[in-house]
Amino acid sequence: MLHAIIFLGAPGSGKGTTAEDMKAHSDYIHVSTGNMLREAMAEGHPYGLEAKEFITRGELVPDETVMKIVRERLDAGPSDARYLFDGFPRTEAQARLLDAFFEENNRGKVTHVFLLDVPQDILVDRIAGRRICKDCGAVYHVTNIRPKVEGICDKCGGELYQRPDDREETVLNRLDVYHKQTESLIGYYERKNVLCRIEAIDRNKTLQTILDTLEAG
């Protein structure tokens, strides 16, 4: 039987970082729908081309299209795998599609949904202070992860820059969209008694809390 856990959280809450930490401390297989969409589009996969049509028009990729890509990924894996979803599902509709997939022939279930809870002022600081290397993509922060030389990447010497969607006014809008989009999703998982709220300020404590929760069942 398949088992899955889900990481929910606002932009900057540390979903991706925590997912990477989990890979090093567990046998959960990390599934990133963002990465899968990009790969499907780059490879000219039918579902990727379907998604690209919407993205090109500036529209959200339909829930059904996202689920097609997820379904294909899970169908190709072991029947007893344990998966970790990062940033998926994004809507209650996607959550229902995922549950419907697991309920087919009793193939699996979502056991835990971890909501990474971080105060908004910390989220804004994390994202707005982020700087990215133009050449290798390494990530820095103006106060937390400073390069040895201001504006220069330690790894490759590339120029560091702030992405347009990391600017403070854009971040605030992204957070507003997140709260509106996920409010019903959080309620959905609360009603199913699988939601676990975690204070995700400290990276090590966040990981340990998740591992302890999973071990306790």
N, C-alpha and C. Protein backbone atom coordinates (compact mmCIF):
# COMPACT_ATOMS: atom_id res chain seq x y z
N MET A 1 0.84 -1.20 0.00
CA MET A 1 0.00 0.00 0.00
C MET A 1 0.88 1.25 0.00
N LEU A 2 0.47 2.24 -0.79
CA LEU A 2 1.18 3.52 -0.82
C LEU A 2 0.85 4.34 0.42
N HIS A 3 1.85 5.06 0.90
CA HIS A 3 1.64 6.00 1.99
C HIS A 3 2.20 7.35 1.56
N ALA A 4 1.54 8.42 1.96
CA ALA A 4 2.00 9.75 1.56
C ALA A 4 1.85 10.74 2.70
N ILE A 5 2.79 11.66 2.77
CA ILE A 5 2.67 12.81 3.65
C ILE A 5 2.75 14.06 2.78
N ILE A 6 2.21 15.15 3.29
CA ILE A 6 2.13 16.39 2.52
C ILE A 6 2.68 17.54 3.35
N PHE A 7 3.47 18.40 2.73
CA PHE A 7 3.94 19.62 3.36
C PHE A 7 3.13 20.79 2.79
N LEU A 8 2.41 21.48 3.67
CA LEU A 8 1.71 22.71 3.30
C LEU A 8 2.41 23.87 3.99
N GLY A 9 2.31 25.04 3.39
CA GLY A 9 2.90 26.21 4.03
C GLY A 9 3.02 27.35 3.04
N ALA A 10 3.06 28.55 3.57
CA ALA A 10 3.17 29.74 2.74
C ALA A 10 4.52 29.80 2.05
N PRO A 11 4.64 30.61 1.00
CA PRO A 11 5.96 30.83 0.40
C PRO A 11 6.96 31.27 1.47
N GLY A 12 8.13 30.63 1.51
CA GLY A 12 9.13 30.98 2.51
C GLY A 12 9.03 30.22 3.81
N SER A 13 8.06 29.30 3.90
CA SER A 13 7.88 28.54 5.16
C SER A 13 8.88 27.40 5.29
N GLY A 14 9.58 27.08 4.22
CA GLY A 14 10.62 26.06 4.30
C GLY A 14 10.21 24.68 3.83
N LYS A 15 9.18 24.61 3.01
CA LYS A 15 8.71 23.30 2.53
C LYS A 15 9.82 22.57 1.76
N GLY A 16 10.44 23.25 0.82
CA GLY A 16 11.48 22.62 0.01
C GLY A 16 12.69 22.23 0.83
N THR A 17 13.11 23.10 1.73
CA THR A 17 14.26 22.81 2.59
C THR A 17 13.99 21.61 3.49
N THR A 18 12.79 21.60 4.08
CA THR A 18 12.43 20.49 4.97
C THR A 18 12.30 19.19 4.19
N ALA A 19 11.81 19.28 2.96
CA ALA A 19 11.72 18.09 2.11
C ALA A 19 13.11 17.52 1.84
N GLU A 20 14.08 18.40 1.58
CA GLU A 20 15.46 17.94 1.35
C GLU A 20 16.02 17.29 2.61
N ASP A 21 15.73 17.87 3.78
CA ASP A 21 16.19 17.29 5.04
C ASP A 21 15.58 15.91 5.25
N MET A 22 14.29 15.77 4.90
CA MET A 22 13.61 14.49 5.06
C MET A 22 14.24 13.41 4.18
N LYS A 23 14.66 13.78 2.99
CA LYS A 23 15.28 12.82 2.09
C LYS A 23 16.54 12.22 2.71
N ALA A 24 17.24 13.01 3.51
CA ALA A 24 18.48 12.54 4.12
C ALA A 24 18.23 11.74 5.40
N HIS A 25 17.00 11.79 5.93
CA HIS A 25 16.74 11.13 7.21
C HIS A 25 15.59 10.12 7.15
N SER A 26 15.11 9.81 5.96
CA SER A 26 14.00 8.87 5.85
C SER A 26 14.00 8.26 4.45
N ASP A 27 13.08 7.32 4.23
CA ASP A 27 12.98 6.70 2.91
C ASP A 27 11.82 7.27 2.10
N TYR A 28 11.30 8.43 2.50
CA TYR A 28 10.23 9.05 1.73
C TYR A 28 10.77 9.57 0.40
N ILE A 29 10.00 9.36 -0.65
CA ILE A 29 10.37 9.82 -1.99
C ILE A 29 9.77 11.20 -2.21
N HIS A 30 10.61 12.18 -2.44
CA HIS A 30 10.16 13.57 -2.60
C HIS A 30 9.53 13.76 -3.97
N VAL A 31 8.28 14.23 -3.98
CA VAL A 31 7.57 14.50 -5.23
C VAL A 31 7.27 16.00 -5.29
N SER A 32 7.89 16.69 -6.23
CA SER A 32 7.66 18.12 -6.43
C SER A 32 6.90 18.31 -7.73
N THR A 33 5.66 18.74 -7.64
CA THR A 33 4.87 18.92 -8.87
C THR A 33 5.45 20.03 -9.75
N GLY A 34 6.07 21.04 -9.12
CA GLY A 34 6.68 22.10 -9.90
C GLY A 34 7.79 21.56 -10.79
N ASN A 35 8.64 20.73 -10.20
CA ASN A 35 9.73 20.13 -10.98
C ASN A 35 9.19 19.21 -12.07
N MET A 36 8.16 18.43 -11.72
CA MET A 36 7.60 17.50 -12.70
C MET A 36 6.95 18.24 -13.87
N LEU A 37 6.30 19.36 -13.58
CA LEU A 37 5.69 20.16 -14.65
C LEU A 37 6.77 20.71 -15.58
N ARG A 38 7.85 21.24 -14.99
CA ARG A 38 8.93 21.80 -15.80
C ARG A 38 9.58 20.72 -16.66
N GLU A 39 9.80 19.54 -16.08
CA GLU A 39 10.41 18.44 -16.84
C GLU A 39 9.49 17.98 -17.96
N ALA A 40 8.19 17.87 -17.66
CA ALA A 40 7.23 17.41 -18.67
C ALA A 40 7.16 18.40 -19.84
N MET A 41 7.24 19.70 -19.55
CA MET A 41 7.21 20.70 -20.61
C MET A 41 8.50 20.66 -21.42
N ALA A 42 9.65 20.52 -20.73
CA ALA A 42 10.93 20.49 -21.42
C ALA A 42 11.06 19.27 -22.32
N GLU A 43 10.47 18.15 -21.91
CA GLU A 43 10.57 16.91 -22.67
C GLU A 43 9.49 16.77 -23.74
N GLY A 44 8.57 17.74 -23.78
CA GLY A 44 7.50 17.68 -24.76
C GLY A 44 6.48 16.60 -24.47
N HIS A 45 6.36 16.22 -23.20
CA HIS A 45 5.39 15.21 -22.78
C HIS A 45 3.98 15.75 -23.02
N PRO A 46 3.05 14.90 -23.45
CA PRO A 46 1.68 15.37 -23.73
C PRO A 46 1.06 16.18 -22.59
N TYR A 47 1.23 15.71 -21.35
CA TYR A 47 0.68 16.46 -20.22
C TYR A 47 1.43 17.77 -20.03
N GLY A 48 2.75 17.75 -20.31
CA GLY A 48 3.54 18.97 -20.20
C GLY A 48 3.10 20.00 -21.22
N LEU A 49 2.85 19.56 -22.45
CA LEU A 49 2.38 20.47 -23.50
C LEU A 49 1.01 21.02 -23.14
N GLU A 50 0.18 20.18 -22.54
CA GLU A 50 -1.15 20.62 -22.11
C GLU A 50 -1.02 21.72 -21.05
N ALA A 51 -0.09 21.51 -20.11
CA ALA A 51 0.13 22.51 -19.05
C ALA A 51 0.72 23.80 -19.62
N LYS A 52 1.63 23.64 -20.59
CA LYS A 52 2.31 24.81 -21.16
C LYS A 52 1.33 25.76 -21.83
N GLU A 53 0.28 25.23 -22.43
CA GLU A 53 -0.72 26.08 -23.08
C GLU A 53 -1.34 27.05 -22.08
N PHE A 54 -1.63 26.56 -20.89
CA PHE A 54 -2.23 27.42 -19.85
C PHE A 54 -1.22 28.41 -19.31
N ILE A 55 0.01 27.94 -19.05
CA ILE A 55 1.05 28.81 -18.50
C ILE A 55 1.38 29.93 -19.48
N THR A 56 1.43 29.61 -20.76
CA THR A 56 1.72 30.63 -21.79
C THR A 56 0.67 31.73 -21.80
N ARG A 57 -0.57 31.35 -21.51
CA ARG A 57 -1.66 32.34 -21.47
C ARG A 57 -1.74 33.05 -20.12
N GLY A 58 -0.82 32.69 -19.20
CA GLY A 58 -0.82 33.31 -17.89
C GLY A 58 -1.90 32.77 -16.98
N GLU A 59 -2.37 31.55 -17.27
CA GLU A 59 -3.43 30.94 -16.48
C GLU A 59 -2.86 29.82 -15.61
N LEU A 60 -3.61 29.49 -14.55
CA LEU A 60 -3.21 28.37 -13.69
C LEU A 60 -3.42 27.05 -14.42
N VAL A 61 -2.52 26.12 -14.20
CA VAL A 61 -2.68 24.79 -14.78
C VAL A 61 -3.86 24.12 -14.09
N PRO A 62 -4.83 23.59 -14.84
CA PRO A 62 -6.02 22.98 -14.23
C PRO A 62 -5.66 21.84 -13.28
N ASP A 63 -6.48 21.68 -12.26
CA ASP A 63 -6.24 20.63 -11.27
C ASP A 63 -6.13 19.26 -11.92
N GLU A 64 -6.98 19.00 -12.91
CA GLU A 64 -6.98 17.69 -13.56
C GLU A 64 -5.67 17.42 -14.28
N THR A 65 -5.09 18.45 -14.91
CA THR A 65 -3.82 18.28 -15.62
C THR A 65 -2.69 17.98 -14.64
N VAL A 66 -2.66 18.72 -13.52
CA VAL A 66 -1.64 18.47 -12.50
C VAL A 66 -1.77 17.05 -11.98
N MET A 67 -3.00 16.61 -11.75
CA MET A 67 -3.22 15.27 -11.20
C MET A 67 -2.81 14.19 -12.20
N LYS A 68 -2.97 14.44 -13.49
CA LYS A 68 -2.53 13.47 -14.50
C LYS A 68 -1.03 13.21 -14.38
N ILE A 69 -0.26 14.29 -14.18
CA ILE A 69 1.19 14.17 -14.07
C ILE A 69 1.57 13.44 -12.78
N VAL A 70 0.87 13.77 -11.69
CA VAL A 70 1.13 13.11 -10.41
C VAL A 70 0.77 11.63 -10.51
N ARG A 71 -0.38 11.35 -11.09
CA ARG A 71 -0.85 9.97 -11.21
C ARG A 71 0.15 9.11 -11.99
N GLU A 72 0.66 9.66 -13.10
CA GLU A 72 1.62 8.91 -13.90
C GLU A 72 2.88 8.62 -13.11
N ARG A 73 3.30 9.59 -12.31
CA ARG A 73 4.51 9.40 -11.48
C ARG A 73 4.29 8.30 -10.45
N LEU A 74 3.15 8.30 -9.79
CA LEU A 74 2.89 7.30 -8.76
C LEU A 74 2.66 5.92 -9.36
N ASP A 75 2.00 5.86 -10.51
CA ASP A 75 1.76 4.58 -11.18
C ASP A 75 3.08 3.92 -11.58
N ALA A 76 4.09 4.75 -11.86
CA ALA A 76 5.38 4.20 -12.32
C ALA A 76 6.26 3.72 -11.18
N GLY A 77 5.88 4.06 -9.94
CA GLY A 77 6.71 3.70 -8.79
C GLY A 77 6.26 2.42 -8.12
N PRO A 78 6.98 2.01 -7.07
CA PRO A 78 6.63 0.79 -6.33
C PRO A 78 5.25 0.91 -5.69
N SER A 79 4.58 -0.21 -5.53
CA SER A 79 3.22 -0.19 -4.98
C SER A 79 3.21 0.01 -3.47
N ASP A 80 4.38 -0.06 -2.83
CA ASP A 80 4.46 0.12 -1.38
C ASP A 80 5.34 1.32 -1.00
N ALA A 81 5.51 2.24 -1.93
CA ALA A 81 6.39 3.40 -1.69
C ALA A 81 5.77 4.37 -0.69
N ARG A 82 6.66 5.20 -0.11
CA ARG A 82 6.21 6.28 0.77
C ARG A 82 6.62 7.59 0.11
N TYR A 83 5.62 8.45 -0.13
CA TYR A 83 5.86 9.68 -0.87
C TYR A 83 5.70 10.92 0.01
N LEU A 84 6.46 11.93 -0.34
CA LEU A 84 6.39 13.23 0.33
C LEU A 84 6.04 14.27 -0.73
N PHE A 85 4.87 14.88 -0.60
CA PHE A 85 4.44 15.90 -1.55
C PHE A 85 4.78 17.28 -1.01
N ASP A 86 5.45 18.06 -1.81
CA ASP A 86 5.88 19.41 -1.44
C ASP A 86 5.12 20.42 -2.31
N GLY A 87 4.18 21.15 -1.69
CA GLY A 87 3.43 22.16 -2.44
C GLY A 87 2.29 21.60 -3.25
N PHE A 88 1.96 20.36 -3.04
CA PHE A 88 0.82 19.72 -3.70
C PHE A 88 0.13 18.84 -2.67
N PRO A 89 -1.19 18.89 -2.62
CA PRO A 89 -2.10 19.68 -3.45
C PRO A 89 -2.13 21.15 -3.02
N ARG A 90 -2.51 22.01 -3.98
CA ARG A 90 -2.62 23.44 -3.71
C ARG A 90 -4.06 23.88 -3.45
N THR A 91 -4.99 23.07 -3.86
CA THR A 91 -6.41 23.41 -3.71
C THR A 91 -7.16 22.20 -3.16
N GLU A 92 -8.35 22.46 -2.64
CA GLU A 92 -9.17 21.36 -2.13
C GLU A 92 -9.54 20.41 -3.26
N ALA A 93 -9.74 20.95 -4.45
CA ALA A 93 -10.08 20.10 -5.60
C ALA A 93 -8.95 19.12 -5.88
N GLN A 94 -7.70 19.58 -5.83
CA GLN A 94 -6.56 18.69 -6.04
C GLN A 94 -6.47 17.65 -4.93
N ALA A 95 -6.79 18.05 -3.70
CA ALA A 95 -6.77 17.11 -2.58
C ALA A 95 -7.78 16.00 -2.79
N ARG A 96 -8.95 16.35 -3.29
CA ARG A 96 -9.99 15.34 -3.53
C ARG A 96 -9.58 14.40 -4.67
N LEU A 97 -8.92 14.93 -5.68
CA LEU A 97 -8.44 14.09 -6.78
C LEU A 97 -7.38 13.12 -6.29
N LEU A 98 -6.49 13.61 -5.42
CA LEU A 98 -5.45 12.75 -4.87
C LEU A 98 -6.07 11.64 -4.01
N ASP A 99 -7.04 11.99 -3.18
CA ASP A 99 -7.70 10.99 -2.35
C ASP A 99 -8.42 9.95 -3.21
N ALA A 100 -9.03 10.42 -4.28
CA ALA A 100 -9.74 9.50 -5.18
C ALA A 100 -8.76 8.50 -5.79
N PHE A 101 -7.57 8.99 -6.14
CA PHE A 101 -6.54 8.09 -6.69
C PHE A 101 -6.16 7.02 -5.66
N PHE A 102 -5.92 7.43 -4.42
CA PHE A 102 -5.52 6.48 -3.39
C PHE A 102 -6.63 5.48 -3.06
N GLU A 103 -7.88 5.94 -3.18
CA GLU A 103 -9.01 5.07 -2.83
C GLU A 103 -9.28 4.00 -3.89
N GLU A 104 -8.77 4.21 -5.11
CA GLU A 104 -8.96 3.20 -6.16
C GLU A 104 -8.29 1.89 -5.73
N ASN A 105 -9.09 0.85 -5.63
CA ASN A 105 -8.58 -0.47 -5.25
C ASN A 105 -7.81 -0.45 -3.93
N ASN A 106 -8.16 0.54 -3.09
CA ASN A 106 -7.53 0.65 -1.77
C ASN A 106 -6.00 0.67 -1.88
N ARG A 107 -5.49 1.50 -2.81
CA ARG A 107 -4.05 1.47 -3.11
C ARG A 107 -3.20 2.27 -2.14
N GLY A 108 -3.78 3.12 -1.32
CA GLY A 108 -2.96 3.88 -0.38
C GLY A 108 -3.74 4.94 0.35
N LYS A 109 -3.01 5.82 1.05
CA LYS A 109 -3.66 6.89 1.80
C LYS A 109 -2.66 7.98 2.17
N VAL A 110 -3.20 9.15 2.46
CA VAL A 110 -2.42 10.26 3.02
C VAL A 110 -2.47 10.10 4.53
N THR A 111 -1.31 9.91 5.16
CA THR A 111 -1.28 9.66 6.61
C THR A 111 -1.13 10.92 7.44
N HIS A 112 -0.34 11.89 6.95
CA HIS A 112 -0.10 13.13 7.69
C HIS A 112 0.01 14.31 6.72
N VAL A 113 -0.54 15.44 7.13
CA VAL A 113 -0.38 16.69 6.39
C VAL A 113 0.23 17.70 7.37
N PHE A 114 1.47 18.07 7.11
CA PHE A 114 2.19 18.98 8.00
C PHE A 114 2.07 20.42 7.49
N LEU A 115 1.43 21.25 8.29
CA LEU A 115 1.31 22.67 7.96
C LEU A 115 2.45 23.41 8.64
N LEU A 116 3.41 23.90 7.86
CA LEU A 116 4.57 24.61 8.40
C LEU A 116 4.17 26.05 8.68
N ASP A 117 4.05 26.37 9.94
CA ASP A 117 3.51 27.66 10.38
C ASP A 117 4.64 28.62 10.74
N VAL A 118 4.69 29.75 10.04
CA VAL A 118 5.73 30.76 10.27
C VAL A 118 5.06 32.14 10.27
N PRO A 119 5.36 33.01 11.26
CA PRO A 119 4.77 34.35 11.28
C PRO A 119 5.07 35.11 9.99
N GLN A 120 4.13 35.96 9.57
CA GLN A 120 4.26 36.63 8.28
C GLN A 120 5.49 37.52 8.20
N ASP A 121 5.85 38.21 9.29
CA ASP A 121 7.02 39.10 9.21
C ASP A 121 8.30 38.31 8.93
N ILE A 122 8.38 37.09 9.45
CA ILE A 122 9.55 36.25 9.19
C ILE A 122 9.53 35.75 7.75
N LEU A 123 8.33 35.40 7.25
CA LEU A 123 8.21 34.96 5.86
C LEU A 123 8.68 36.04 4.90
N VAL A 124 8.23 37.28 5.14
CA VAL A 124 8.60 38.39 4.26
C VAL A 124 10.12 38.60 4.29
N ASP A 125 10.70 38.56 5.49
CA ASP A 125 12.15 38.75 5.62
C ASP A 125 12.91 37.64 4.89
N ARG A 126 12.45 36.40 5.04
CA ARG A 126 13.12 35.26 4.39
C ARG A 126 13.14 35.43 2.88
N ILE A 127 12.00 35.81 2.32
CA ILE A 127 11.90 35.85 0.85
C ILE A 127 12.50 37.13 0.29
N ALA A 128 12.14 38.27 0.88
CA ALA A 128 12.63 39.55 0.35
C ALA A 128 14.14 39.70 0.51
N GLY A 129 14.73 38.98 1.49
CA GLY A 129 16.17 39.05 1.69
C GLY A 129 16.95 38.04 0.88
N ARG A 130 16.23 37.23 0.12
CA ARG A 130 16.88 36.16 -0.65
C ARG A 130 17.59 36.74 -1.88
N ARG A 131 18.78 36.20 -2.17
CA ARG A 131 19.52 36.58 -3.36
C ARG A 131 19.98 35.29 -4.06
N ILE A 132 19.90 35.30 -5.38
CA ILE A 132 20.19 34.11 -6.18
C ILE A 132 21.36 34.38 -7.12
N CYS A 133 22.23 33.37 -7.29
CA CYS A 133 23.33 33.50 -8.24
C CYS A 133 22.79 33.34 -9.66
N LYS A 134 23.11 34.29 -10.53
CA LYS A 134 22.65 34.24 -11.92
C LYS A 134 23.24 33.06 -12.69
N ASP A 135 24.41 32.58 -12.26
CA ASP A 135 25.09 31.53 -13.01
C ASP A 135 24.78 30.11 -12.52
N CYS A 136 24.90 29.88 -11.21
CA CYS A 136 24.73 28.51 -10.71
C CYS A 136 23.46 28.30 -9.90
N GLY A 137 22.74 29.39 -9.59
CA GLY A 137 21.47 29.26 -8.87
C GLY A 137 21.61 29.11 -7.37
N ALA A 138 22.82 29.24 -6.82
CA ALA A 138 23.01 29.15 -5.37
C ALA A 138 22.20 30.24 -4.67
N VAL A 139 21.70 29.91 -3.47
CA VAL A 139 20.81 30.83 -2.75
C VAL A 139 21.54 31.43 -1.55
N TYR A 140 21.38 32.74 -1.39
CA TYR A 140 21.96 33.47 -0.26
C TYR A 140 20.87 34.32 0.39
N HIS A 141 21.23 34.96 1.51
CA HIS A 141 20.31 35.88 2.18
C HIS A 141 21.11 37.06 2.70
N VAL A 142 20.49 38.24 2.65
CA VAL A 142 21.23 39.47 2.98
C VAL A 142 21.71 39.49 4.43
N THR A 143 21.06 38.73 5.33
CA THR A 143 21.51 38.69 6.72
C THR A 143 21.85 37.28 7.20
N ASN A 144 21.09 36.28 6.74
CA ASN A 144 21.26 34.92 7.28
C ASN A 144 22.33 34.09 6.57
N ILE A 145 22.45 34.27 5.26
CA ILE A 145 23.45 33.50 4.49
C ILE A 145 24.19 34.47 3.58
N ARG A 146 25.10 35.20 4.16
CA ARG A 146 25.81 36.24 3.40
C ARG A 146 26.99 35.63 2.63
N PRO A 147 27.23 36.11 1.41
CA PRO A 147 28.42 35.66 0.67
C PRO A 147 29.67 36.31 1.26
N LYS A 148 30.83 35.73 0.96
CA LYS A 148 32.08 36.29 1.48
C LYS A 148 32.33 37.68 0.91
N VAL A 149 31.96 37.85 -0.38
CA VAL A 149 32.09 39.15 -1.03
C VAL A 149 30.69 39.61 -1.42
N GLU A 150 30.30 40.80 -1.01
CA GLU A 150 28.96 41.31 -1.26
C GLU A 150 28.60 41.24 -2.76
N GLY A 151 27.47 40.58 -3.04
CA GLY A 151 26.97 40.52 -4.41
C GLY A 151 27.62 39.49 -5.30
N ILE A 152 28.56 38.68 -4.74
CA ILE A 152 29.28 37.69 -5.54
C ILE A 152 29.09 36.30 -4.94
N CYS A 153 28.82 35.34 -5.78
CA CYS A 153 28.61 33.96 -5.34
C CYS A 153 29.91 33.32 -4.88
N ASP A 154 29.89 32.69 -3.70
CA ASP A 154 31.07 32.01 -3.17
C ASP A 154 31.47 30.82 -4.05
N LYS A 155 30.48 30.16 -4.65
CA LYS A 155 30.74 28.90 -5.35
C LYS A 155 31.32 29.09 -6.74
N CYS A 156 30.78 30.10 -7.50
CA CYS A 156 31.24 30.22 -8.89
C CYS A 156 31.64 31.63 -9.28
N GLY A 157 31.48 32.58 -8.38
CA GLY A 157 31.86 33.96 -8.70
C GLY A 157 30.82 34.71 -9.49
N GLY A 158 29.64 34.10 -9.67
CA GLY A 158 28.56 34.76 -10.42
C GLY A 158 27.94 35.91 -9.65
N GLU A 159 27.18 36.72 -10.37
CA GLU A 159 26.51 37.88 -9.76
C GLU A 159 25.24 37.43 -9.04
N LEU A 160 25.03 37.99 -7.84
CA LEU A 160 23.81 37.70 -7.10
C LEU A 160 22.74 38.75 -7.42
N TYR A 161 21.50 38.31 -7.47
CA TYR A 161 20.41 39.24 -7.78
C TYR A 161 19.15 38.85 -7.02
N GLN A 162 18.21 39.78 -6.96
CA GLN A 162 16.91 39.52 -6.34
C GLN A 162 15.88 39.27 -7.43
N ARG A 163 15.22 38.12 -7.36
CA ARG A 163 14.20 37.81 -8.35
C ARG A 163 13.03 38.78 -8.20
N PRO A 164 12.39 39.15 -9.30
CA PRO A 164 11.26 40.08 -9.22
C PRO A 164 10.16 39.62 -8.26
N ASP A 165 9.88 38.30 -8.22
CA ASP A 165 8.81 37.83 -7.35
C ASP A 165 9.25 37.69 -5.89
N ASP A 166 10.51 38.08 -5.59
CA ASP A 166 10.98 38.09 -4.20
C ASP A 166 10.95 39.50 -3.60
N ARG A 167 10.53 40.50 -4.38
CA ARG A 167 10.44 41.86 -3.84
C ARG A 167 9.28 41.94 -2.85
N GLU A 168 9.43 42.82 -1.85
CA GLU A 168 8.50 42.80 -0.72
C GLU A 168 7.05 42.97 -1.13
N GLU A 169 6.75 43.90 -2.04
CA GLU A 169 5.35 44.11 -2.42
C GLU A 169 4.78 42.87 -3.11
N THR A 170 5.62 42.19 -3.89
CA THR A 170 5.18 40.98 -4.56
C THR A 170 4.99 39.84 -3.56
N VAL A 171 5.88 39.78 -2.58
CA VAL A 171 5.78 38.75 -1.55
C VAL A 171 4.47 38.87 -0.78
N LEU A 172 4.11 40.08 -0.41
CA LEU A 172 2.87 40.31 0.33
C LEU A 172 1.66 39.86 -0.48
N ASN A 173 1.70 40.12 -1.79
CA ASN A 173 0.61 39.67 -2.66
C ASN A 173 0.57 38.14 -2.74
N ARG A 174 1.75 37.52 -2.86
CA ARG A 174 1.82 36.06 -2.92
C ARG A 174 1.26 35.43 -1.65
N LEU A 175 1.55 36.04 -0.50
CA LEU A 175 1.05 35.52 0.77
C LEU A 175 -0.47 35.66 0.85
N ASP A 176 -0.98 36.76 0.33
CA ASP A 176 -2.44 36.97 0.33
C ASP A 176 -3.12 35.91 -0.54
N VAL A 177 -2.54 35.66 -1.71
CA VAL A 177 -3.10 34.63 -2.62
C VAL A 177 -3.04 33.27 -1.95
N TYR A 178 -1.92 32.97 -1.28
CA TYR A 178 -1.77 31.68 -0.60
C TYR A 178 -2.87 31.46 0.43
N HIS A 179 -3.09 32.47 1.28
CA HIS A 179 -4.08 32.32 2.35
C HIS A 179 -5.48 32.11 1.78
N LYS A 180 -5.81 32.84 0.72
CA LYS A 180 -7.13 32.69 0.11
C LYS A 180 -7.28 31.32 -0.55
N GLN A 181 -6.20 30.84 -1.15
CA GLN A 181 -6.24 29.59 -1.90
C GLN A 181 -6.27 28.37 -1.00
N THR A 182 -5.56 28.43 0.13
CA THR A 182 -5.39 27.24 0.95
C THR A 182 -6.32 27.16 2.15
N GLU A 183 -7.09 28.19 2.41
CA GLU A 183 -7.96 28.17 3.59
C GLU A 183 -8.86 26.94 3.62
N SER A 184 -9.54 26.68 2.51
CA SER A 184 -10.44 25.52 2.47
C SER A 184 -9.65 24.21 2.47
N LEU A 185 -8.45 24.22 1.90
CA LEU A 185 -7.61 23.01 1.87
C LEU A 185 -7.21 22.61 3.28
N ILE A 186 -6.83 23.59 4.08
CA ILE A 186 -6.45 23.31 5.47
C ILE A 186 -7.65 22.76 6.23
N GLY A 187 -8.81 23.36 6.02
CA GLY A 187 -10.03 22.86 6.66
C GLY A 187 -10.36 21.44 6.23
N TYR A 188 -10.12 21.14 4.97
CA TYR A 188 -10.39 19.81 4.43
C TYR A 188 -9.59 18.75 5.19
N TYR A 189 -8.29 19.02 5.38
CA TYR A 189 -7.45 18.05 6.06
C TYR A 189 -7.69 18.03 7.58
N GLU A 190 -8.12 19.16 8.13
CA GLU A 190 -8.50 19.17 9.54
C GLU A 190 -9.69 18.24 9.78
N ARG A 191 -10.66 18.29 8.87
CA ARG A 191 -11.84 17.44 9.01
C ARG A 191 -11.49 15.96 8.86
N LYS A 192 -10.42 15.67 8.14
CA LYS A 192 -9.99 14.28 7.98
C LYS A 192 -9.04 13.83 9.10
N ASN A 193 -8.77 14.76 10.04
CA ASN A 193 -7.93 14.47 11.21
C ASN A 193 -6.51 14.02 10.85
N VAL A 194 -5.95 14.61 9.81
CA VAL A 194 -4.57 14.28 9.45
C VAL A 194 -3.66 15.52 9.45
N LEU A 195 -4.22 16.69 9.80
CA LEU A 195 -3.43 17.92 9.77
C LEU A 195 -2.63 18.08 11.05
N CYS A 196 -1.33 18.38 10.90
CA CYS A 196 -0.44 18.64 12.03
C CYS A 196 0.19 20.02 11.84
N ARG A 197 -0.10 20.94 12.71
CA ARG A 197 0.49 22.28 12.63
C ARG A 197 1.84 22.27 13.35
N ILE A 198 2.85 22.79 12.67
CA ILE A 198 4.21 22.80 13.22
C ILE A 198 4.79 24.21 13.15
N GLU A 199 5.33 24.68 14.25
CA GLU A 199 6.04 25.96 14.24
C GLU A 199 7.36 25.73 13.50
N ALA A 200 7.50 26.33 12.33
CA ALA A 200 8.64 26.02 11.46
C ALA A 200 9.63 27.17 11.38
N ILE A 201 10.05 27.64 12.52
CA ILE A 201 11.02 28.74 12.55
C ILE A 201 12.44 28.20 12.55
N ASP A 202 12.67 27.16 13.35
CA ASP A 202 14.00 26.55 13.43
C ASP A 202 14.04 25.30 12.57
N ARG A 203 14.98 25.23 11.66
CA ARG A 203 15.06 24.13 10.69
C ARG A 203 15.22 22.77 11.36
N ASN A 204 16.12 22.67 12.31
CA ASN A 204 16.37 21.38 12.95
C ASN A 204 15.19 20.92 13.79
N LYS A 205 14.56 21.85 14.50
CA LYS A 205 13.41 21.50 15.33
C LYS A 205 12.23 21.07 14.46
N THR A 206 12.07 21.73 13.31
CA THR A 206 10.99 21.38 12.39
C THR A 206 11.15 19.94 11.93
N LEU A 207 12.35 19.59 11.48
CA LEU A 207 12.60 18.23 11.01
C LEU A 207 12.37 17.21 12.13
N GLN A 208 12.89 17.49 13.32
CA GLN A 208 12.76 16.53 14.41
C GLN A 208 11.31 16.33 14.82
N THR A 209 10.53 17.40 14.81
CA THR A 209 9.11 17.30 15.16
C THR A 209 8.38 16.41 14.16
N ILE A 210 8.69 16.57 12.89
CA ILE A 210 8.05 15.75 11.85
C ILE A 210 8.45 14.28 12.02
N LEU A 211 9.72 14.02 12.23
CA LEU A 211 10.19 12.65 12.39
C LEU A 211 9.56 11.99 13.63
N ASP A 212 9.48 12.75 14.72
CA ASP A 212 8.87 12.22 15.95
C ASP A 212 7.39 11.91 15.74
N THR A 213 6.70 12.79 15.02
CA THR A 213 5.27 12.60 14.75
C THR A 213 5.05 11.36 13.91
N LEU A 214 5.87 11.17 12.90
CA LEU A 214 5.73 10.00 12.03
C LEU A 214 6.05 8.71 12.79
N GLU A 215 7.06 8.77 13.65
CA GLU A 215 7.41 7.58 14.41
C GLU A 215 6.29 7.19 15.38
N ALA A 216 5.62 8.21 15.93
CA ALA A 216 4.53 7.95 16.87
C ALA A 216 3.28 7.41 16.16
N GLY A 217 3.27 7.58 14.83
CA GLY A 217 2.13 7.08 14.05
C GLY A 217 1.00 8.06 14.02
